N, C-alpha and C. Protein backbone atom coordinates (compact mmCIF):
# COMPACT_ATOMS: atom_id res chain seq x y z
N UNK A 1 10.04 -41.09 -20.45
CA UNK A 1 9.02 -40.39 -19.69
C UNK A 1 9.56 -39.02 -19.27
N UNK A 2 8.74 -38.03 -19.40
CA UNK A 2 9.11 -36.67 -19.04
C UNK A 2 9.13 -36.52 -17.53
N UNK A 3 10.04 -35.72 -17.02
CA UNK A 3 10.03 -35.51 -15.55
C UNK A 3 8.76 -34.79 -15.15
N UNK A 4 8.36 -35.01 -13.91
CA UNK A 4 7.18 -34.34 -13.38
C UNK A 4 7.43 -32.82 -13.33
N UNK A 5 6.40 -32.04 -13.69
CA UNK A 5 6.63 -30.58 -13.60
C UNK A 5 6.86 -30.15 -12.17
N UNK A 6 7.74 -29.19 -12.03
CA UNK A 6 8.01 -28.68 -10.67
C UNK A 6 6.78 -27.91 -10.19
N UNK A 7 6.60 -27.98 -8.87
CA UNK A 7 5.51 -27.21 -8.28
C UNK A 7 5.88 -25.73 -8.34
N UNK A 8 4.85 -24.94 -8.45
CA UNK A 8 5.11 -23.48 -8.39
C UNK A 8 5.63 -23.09 -7.04
N UNK A 9 6.75 -22.37 -7.00
CA UNK A 9 7.23 -21.93 -5.68
C UNK A 9 6.28 -20.92 -5.08
N UNK A 10 6.32 -20.83 -3.77
CA UNK A 10 5.47 -19.89 -3.07
C UNK A 10 5.94 -18.44 -3.48
N UNK A 11 4.99 -17.53 -3.60
CA UNK A 11 5.43 -16.17 -3.95
C UNK A 11 6.30 -15.59 -2.86
N UNK A 12 7.25 -14.76 -3.25
CA UNK A 12 8.12 -14.17 -2.22
C UNK A 12 7.34 -13.33 -1.25
N UNK A 13 7.86 -13.26 -0.05
CA UNK A 13 7.27 -12.40 0.95
C UNK A 13 7.40 -10.97 0.48
N UNK A 14 6.37 -10.15 0.68
CA UNK A 14 6.49 -8.76 0.25
C UNK A 14 7.57 -8.05 1.03
N UNK A 15 8.28 -7.16 0.35
CA UNK A 15 9.29 -6.38 1.02
C UNK A 15 8.64 -5.27 1.80
N UNK A 16 9.44 -4.47 2.47
CA UNK A 16 8.86 -3.38 3.24
C UNK A 16 8.15 -2.45 2.33
N UNK A 17 7.04 -1.93 2.82
CA UNK A 17 6.25 -0.96 2.02
C UNK A 17 6.87 0.43 2.25
N UNK A 18 7.58 0.90 1.29
CA UNK A 18 8.28 2.19 1.44
C UNK A 18 7.52 3.25 0.67
N UNK A 19 7.74 4.51 0.97
CA UNK A 19 7.11 5.56 0.19
C UNK A 19 7.48 5.46 -1.30
N UNK A 20 8.73 5.05 -1.54
CA UNK A 20 9.19 4.95 -2.93
C UNK A 20 8.45 3.85 -3.66
N UNK A 21 8.24 2.70 -3.03
CA UNK A 21 7.54 1.59 -3.65
C UNK A 21 6.09 1.98 -3.92
N UNK A 22 5.44 2.63 -2.99
CA UNK A 22 4.07 3.09 -3.20
C UNK A 22 4.01 4.13 -4.33
N UNK A 23 4.97 5.00 -4.33
CA UNK A 23 5.00 6.08 -5.38
C UNK A 23 5.22 5.49 -6.77
N UNK A 24 6.15 4.49 -6.89
CA UNK A 24 6.34 3.83 -8.18
C UNK A 24 5.09 3.16 -8.65
N UNK A 25 4.43 2.45 -7.76
CA UNK A 25 3.17 1.74 -8.16
C UNK A 25 2.13 2.74 -8.62
N UNK A 26 2.08 3.89 -8.02
CA UNK A 26 1.09 4.91 -8.36
C UNK A 26 1.50 5.70 -9.62
N UNK A 27 2.70 6.28 -9.59
CA UNK A 27 3.08 7.22 -10.68
C UNK A 27 3.59 6.45 -11.94
N UNK A 28 4.42 5.44 -11.74
CA UNK A 28 5.03 4.81 -12.88
C UNK A 28 4.19 3.70 -13.50
N UNK A 29 3.46 2.98 -12.66
CA UNK A 29 2.67 1.85 -13.15
C UNK A 29 1.17 2.18 -13.30
N UNK A 30 0.79 3.34 -12.82
CA UNK A 30 -0.60 3.76 -13.00
C UNK A 30 -1.61 3.08 -12.10
N UNK A 31 -1.18 2.40 -11.04
CA UNK A 31 -2.11 1.77 -10.14
C UNK A 31 -2.79 2.85 -9.27
N UNK A 32 -4.07 2.68 -8.98
CA UNK A 32 -4.74 3.62 -8.10
C UNK A 32 -4.08 3.65 -6.71
N UNK A 33 -4.00 4.79 -6.14
CA UNK A 33 -3.46 4.93 -4.79
C UNK A 33 -4.64 5.25 -3.87
N UNK A 34 -4.81 4.43 -2.85
CA UNK A 34 -5.87 4.62 -1.89
C UNK A 34 -5.26 4.83 -0.53
N UNK A 35 -5.57 5.94 0.09
CA UNK A 35 -5.12 6.31 1.42
C UNK A 35 -6.33 6.58 2.28
N UNK A 36 -6.32 6.09 3.52
CA UNK A 36 -7.46 6.43 4.39
C UNK A 36 -7.37 5.73 5.73
N UNK A 37 -8.46 5.75 6.41
CA UNK A 37 -8.57 5.14 7.72
C UNK A 37 -9.63 4.07 7.68
N UNK A 38 -9.37 2.98 8.40
CA UNK A 38 -10.42 1.94 8.48
C UNK A 38 -11.40 2.30 9.57
N UNK A 39 -12.37 1.46 9.80
CA UNK A 39 -13.44 1.78 10.75
C UNK A 39 -12.94 1.83 12.19
N UNK A 40 -11.68 1.36 12.46
CA UNK A 40 -11.17 1.39 13.80
C UNK A 40 -10.16 2.52 13.97
N UNK A 41 -9.96 3.36 12.98
CA UNK A 41 -8.97 4.42 13.08
C UNK A 41 -7.59 4.05 12.59
N UNK A 42 -7.41 2.80 12.15
CA UNK A 42 -6.10 2.40 11.56
C UNK A 42 -5.91 3.02 10.21
N UNK A 43 -4.69 3.43 9.93
CA UNK A 43 -4.39 4.12 8.65
C UNK A 43 -3.90 3.09 7.65
N UNK A 44 -4.32 3.23 6.38
CA UNK A 44 -3.84 2.34 5.36
C UNK A 44 -3.50 3.05 4.05
N UNK A 45 -2.61 2.44 3.30
CA UNK A 45 -2.28 2.93 1.95
C UNK A 45 -2.16 1.72 1.09
N UNK A 46 -2.70 1.79 -0.11
CA UNK A 46 -2.68 0.64 -1.02
C UNK A 46 -2.46 1.15 -2.44
N UNK A 47 -1.53 0.48 -3.15
CA UNK A 47 -1.29 0.82 -4.53
C UNK A 47 -0.63 -0.43 -5.17
N UNK A 48 -1.21 -0.91 -6.25
CA UNK A 48 -0.63 -1.99 -7.03
C UNK A 48 -0.23 -3.21 -6.24
N UNK A 49 -1.05 -3.62 -5.31
CA UNK A 49 -0.77 -4.82 -4.52
C UNK A 49 0.06 -4.56 -3.30
N UNK A 50 0.58 -3.37 -3.15
CA UNK A 50 1.34 -3.00 -1.93
C UNK A 50 0.34 -2.50 -0.92
N UNK A 51 0.49 -2.90 0.29
CA UNK A 51 -0.42 -2.40 1.34
C UNK A 51 0.36 -2.08 2.56
N UNK A 52 0.16 -0.87 3.08
CA UNK A 52 0.71 -0.54 4.38
C UNK A 52 -0.48 -0.25 5.26
N UNK A 53 -0.49 -0.87 6.42
CA UNK A 53 -1.59 -0.70 7.38
C UNK A 53 -1.03 -0.58 8.74
N UNK A 54 -1.48 0.37 9.48
CA UNK A 54 -1.00 0.57 10.85
C UNK A 54 -2.24 0.75 11.74
N UNK A 55 -2.51 -0.20 12.63
CA UNK A 55 -3.70 -0.14 13.47
C UNK A 55 -3.71 1.10 14.36
N UNK A 56 -2.51 1.69 14.59
CA UNK A 56 -2.42 2.86 15.46
C UNK A 56 -2.72 4.14 14.70
N UNK A 57 -2.87 4.05 13.37
CA UNK A 57 -3.19 5.21 12.58
C UNK A 57 -2.00 6.10 12.20
N UNK A 58 -0.77 5.53 12.18
CA UNK A 58 0.39 6.35 11.88
C UNK A 58 1.30 5.69 10.89
N UNK A 59 0.78 5.17 9.78
CA UNK A 59 1.56 4.49 8.77
C UNK A 59 2.58 5.43 8.13
N UNK A 60 3.84 5.36 8.55
CA UNK A 60 4.77 6.38 8.15
C UNK A 60 5.05 6.46 6.66
N UNK A 61 5.19 5.34 5.97
CA UNK A 61 5.51 5.37 4.56
C UNK A 61 4.38 6.10 3.79
N UNK A 62 3.13 5.75 4.09
CA UNK A 62 2.03 6.37 3.39
C UNK A 62 1.88 7.83 3.72
N UNK A 63 2.12 8.22 4.98
CA UNK A 63 2.01 9.61 5.37
C UNK A 63 3.06 10.44 4.63
N UNK A 64 4.33 9.92 4.56
CA UNK A 64 5.37 10.64 3.84
C UNK A 64 5.02 10.75 2.36
N UNK A 65 4.49 9.71 1.77
CA UNK A 65 4.14 9.76 0.38
C UNK A 65 3.00 10.77 0.14
N UNK A 66 2.01 10.77 0.97
CA UNK A 66 0.88 11.70 0.85
C UNK A 66 1.40 13.11 0.92
N UNK A 67 2.30 13.41 1.86
CA UNK A 67 2.85 14.74 1.98
C UNK A 67 3.62 15.13 0.71
N UNK A 68 4.39 14.20 0.20
CA UNK A 68 5.22 14.49 -1.01
C UNK A 68 4.30 14.73 -2.22
N UNK A 69 3.19 13.98 -2.32
CA UNK A 69 2.29 14.16 -3.45
C UNK A 69 1.30 15.32 -3.26
N UNK A 70 1.26 15.91 -2.04
CA UNK A 70 0.30 16.95 -1.79
C UNK A 70 -1.13 16.45 -1.62
N UNK A 71 -1.28 15.21 -1.16
CA UNK A 71 -2.64 14.65 -1.02
C UNK A 71 -3.13 14.99 0.36
N UNK A 72 -4.36 15.54 0.40
CA UNK A 72 -4.96 15.83 1.68
C UNK A 72 -5.65 14.56 2.20
N UNK A 73 -5.28 14.15 3.38
CA UNK A 73 -5.80 12.91 3.96
C UNK A 73 -7.06 13.20 4.78
N UNK A 74 -7.98 12.22 4.76
CA UNK A 74 -9.16 12.38 5.61
C UNK A 74 -8.81 12.18 7.06
N UNK A 75 -9.70 12.69 7.91
CA UNK A 75 -9.50 12.43 9.32
C UNK A 75 -10.08 11.05 9.66
N UNK A 76 -9.63 10.49 10.77
CA UNK A 76 -10.16 9.19 11.17
C UNK A 76 -11.69 9.22 11.18
N UNK A 77 -12.31 8.17 10.68
CA UNK A 77 -13.74 8.12 10.64
C UNK A 77 -14.39 8.68 9.38
N UNK A 78 -13.57 9.34 8.52
CA UNK A 78 -14.12 9.97 7.30
C UNK A 78 -13.90 9.08 6.07
N UNK A 79 -13.35 7.90 6.21
CA UNK A 79 -13.15 7.07 5.05
C UNK A 79 -11.80 7.34 4.38
N UNK A 80 -11.70 7.01 3.11
CA UNK A 80 -10.43 7.08 2.41
C UNK A 80 -10.37 8.22 1.39
N UNK A 81 -9.19 8.52 0.96
CA UNK A 81 -8.95 9.50 -0.08
C UNK A 81 -8.35 8.79 -1.28
N UNK A 82 -8.69 9.19 -2.47
CA UNK A 82 -8.12 8.58 -3.67
C UNK A 82 -7.41 9.66 -4.47
């Protein structure tokens, strides 16, 4: 009798969302980069499954990445930038 198949291990916890990780997902892997504010003024950045969200609206990794890429960010309440 064959041994029972092992259960799939849980996916690893995501590492810290750094500007470099967001930039790699965007530039090297071609994932869309979405930066913006949610309806409560919290700032978010998303690229290739990475998500940085700060309810206070000051997500540092995404802000540094946006500055490095020359992306103009919307003001709170204006939605997101792509």
